[in-house]
Structure formats: structure tokens, C-alpha cells
Amino acid sequence: MWLATGHTDMRKGFPGLALLVQETLRRDPHCGHLFVFRGRRGDLIKVLWHDGQGACLFSKRLERGRFLWPSPADGVVAITPAQLGYLLEGIDWRNPQQTWRPRSAG
């Protein structure tokens, strides 16, 4: 699983993201790995995955908080399945804590 550091234009679909994987990440978009992209605001991610039969594109938008992301200076970042699970929940995958705090009812 690979994170595309920095922000990505979230208007991109299959062809645009696959091209980013090839040219920016220097990886094969058809290899079966997951490639994760984050938008400028930080509340939307897209995951590109080729399952051997075709390309799959998943997206998630957080209602509160934002996806914590490495800086462009970090280059391509590989993460584990557990870290991806934290990331999808809006938890800092480097230091698992929620990025927002619920307000008290009182």
C-alpha cells in the first residue's frame, strides 16, 4: 500500500490516478497494490486498486477531522494494512489518536 504524498486533484478518475502512479510514484498501477491519494482540504481520499480483472476506485470523505498525511518531501510512503485501517478511520496512522474530539453532552 502506497501513499501519494502531498495533495492530489480529486477530480481525477481511473486514468488520471493511474498515470500519477506511473509517473510520480514510479509504480505499476496494475500490480495489485493499493495507491492512496488525498485531496487539498484533507477530508477526502481515493484508493486505486487493480484486482486482476479491472481497476477499482474507492473514496471516503470524513465528516469531521482530516486525514493526516506525509509532506511531499517524504516522497512515496509505504504503509501496512493496519496503518491503512487507522488512516481510513481518521486516526493518525503514525501515532494512533483521533484527529477530533467529541464534545460533551452537558
Protein backbone atom coordinates (compact mmCIF):
# COMPACT_ATOMS: atom_id res chain seq x y z
CA MET A 1 0.00 0.00 0.00
CA TRP A 2 1.40 3.32 -1.07
CA LEU A 3 0.52 6.90 -0.09
CA ALA A 4 0.96 9.59 -2.72
CA THR A 5 2.45 12.40 -0.61
CA GLY A 6 1.20 15.94 -0.98
CA HIS A 7 -2.27 16.64 -2.34
CA THR A 8 -3.96 15.33 -5.48
CA ASP A 9 -6.64 16.84 -7.70
CA MET A 10 -9.67 14.81 -6.59
CA ARG A 11 -11.42 15.36 -9.93
CA LYS A 12 -9.14 12.66 -11.35
CA GLY A 13 -10.62 9.24 -12.05
CA PHE A 14 -9.11 5.92 -13.11
CA PRO A 15 -6.92 7.15 -16.00
CA GLY A 16 -5.59 10.24 -14.23
CA LEU A 17 -4.75 8.45 -10.99
CA ALA A 18 -3.17 5.51 -12.84
CA LEU A 19 -0.99 8.00 -14.72
CA LEU A 20 0.07 9.55 -11.39
CA VAL A 21 1.00 6.10 -10.10
CA GLN A 22 3.19 5.51 -13.16
CA GLU A 23 4.83 8.92 -13.47
CA THR A 24 5.01 10.22 -9.90
CA LEU A 25 5.16 7.09 -7.75
CA ARG A 26 7.13 5.10 -10.37
CA ARG A 27 4.96 2.03 -9.79
CA ASP A 28 2.77 -0.19 -11.98
CA PRO A 29 -0.92 0.65 -11.33
CA HIS A 30 -1.90 -2.89 -12.43
CA CYS A 31 0.35 -4.71 -9.91
CA GLY A 32 -2.38 -5.29 -7.30
CA HIS A 33 -1.07 -2.77 -4.75
CA LEU A 34 -3.31 -0.11 -3.24
CA PHE A 35 -2.47 3.51 -4.04
CA VAL A 36 -3.97 6.17 -1.75
CA PHE A 37 -4.41 9.85 -2.69
CA ARG A 38 -5.60 12.79 -0.56
CA GLY A 39 -7.28 16.00 -1.67
CA ARG A 40 -6.16 19.52 -0.82
CA ARG A 41 -8.64 20.04 2.05
CA GLY A 42 -7.63 16.76 3.65
CA ASP A 43 -11.10 15.36 4.24
CA LEU A 44 -11.26 13.18 1.08
CA ILE A 45 -9.12 10.24 -0.03
CA LYS A 46 -9.27 7.98 -3.04
CA VAL A 47 -7.82 4.47 -3.24
CA LEU A 48 -6.91 2.96 -6.60
CA TRP A 49 -6.55 -0.83 -6.83
CA HIS A 50 -6.35 -3.24 -9.75
CA ASP A 51 -7.82 -6.63 -8.80
CA GLY A 52 -6.50 -8.53 -11.84
CA GLN A 53 -9.72 -8.07 -13.82
CA GLY A 54 -10.13 -4.33 -13.71
CA ALA A 55 -9.48 -1.12 -11.80
CA CYS A 56 -11.35 -0.33 -8.59
CA LEU A 57 -11.67 3.19 -7.20
CA PHE A 58 -12.78 3.74 -3.63
CA SER A 59 -13.32 7.09 -1.94
CA LYS A 60 -14.01 8.25 1.59
CA ARG A 61 -14.84 11.69 2.97
CA LEU A 62 -14.61 12.39 6.69
CA GLU A 63 -17.48 14.35 8.24
CA ARG A 64 -15.17 15.64 10.98
CA GLY A 65 -11.40 15.88 11.12
CA ARG A 66 -9.00 15.23 8.30
CA PHE A 67 -6.73 12.52 7.02
CA LEU A 68 -3.20 13.09 8.33
CA TRP A 69 -0.71 12.92 5.52
CA PRO A 70 3.05 12.95 4.97
CA SER A 71 4.59 16.01 3.34
CA PRO A 72 5.70 15.96 -0.31
CA ALA A 73 9.31 15.96 0.93
CA ASP A 74 8.74 12.43 2.31
CA GLY A 75 8.39 11.05 -1.24
CA VAL A 76 6.45 7.81 -1.66
CA VAL A 77 5.38 6.27 1.64
CA ALA A 78 4.59 2.57 2.10
CA ILE A 79 2.13 1.66 4.86
CA THR A 80 0.86 -1.58 6.40
CA PRO A 81 -2.74 -2.84 6.30
CA ALA A 82 -3.12 -1.84 9.98
CA GLN A 83 -1.92 1.69 9.22
CA LEU A 84 -4.40 1.92 6.34
CA GLY A 85 -7.16 0.89 8.76
CA TYR A 86 -6.19 3.74 11.10
CA LEU A 87 -5.98 6.15 8.17
CA LEU A 88 -9.48 5.24 6.95
CA GLU A 89 -10.85 5.92 10.44
CA GLY A 90 -9.31 9.41 10.53
CA ILE A 91 -6.71 8.33 13.10
CA ASP A 92 -3.07 9.35 12.75
CA TRP A 93 -1.52 6.14 11.41
CA ARG A 94 1.90 7.19 12.78
CA ASN A 95 0.55 7.77 16.32
CA PRO A 96 -2.96 6.25 16.66
CA GLN A 97 -5.15 9.01 18.13
CA GLN A 98 -8.37 10.51 16.82
CA THR A 99 -7.92 13.79 14.92
CA TRP A 100 -11.08 15.28 16.52
CA ARG A 101 -12.56 15.22 19.98
CA PRO A 102 -16.29 14.68 20.59
CA ARG A 103 -18.00 17.43 22.56
CA SER A 104 -19.51 16.61 25.92
CA ALA A 105 -23.31 16.34 26.07
CA GLY A 106 -23.52 18.59 29.12
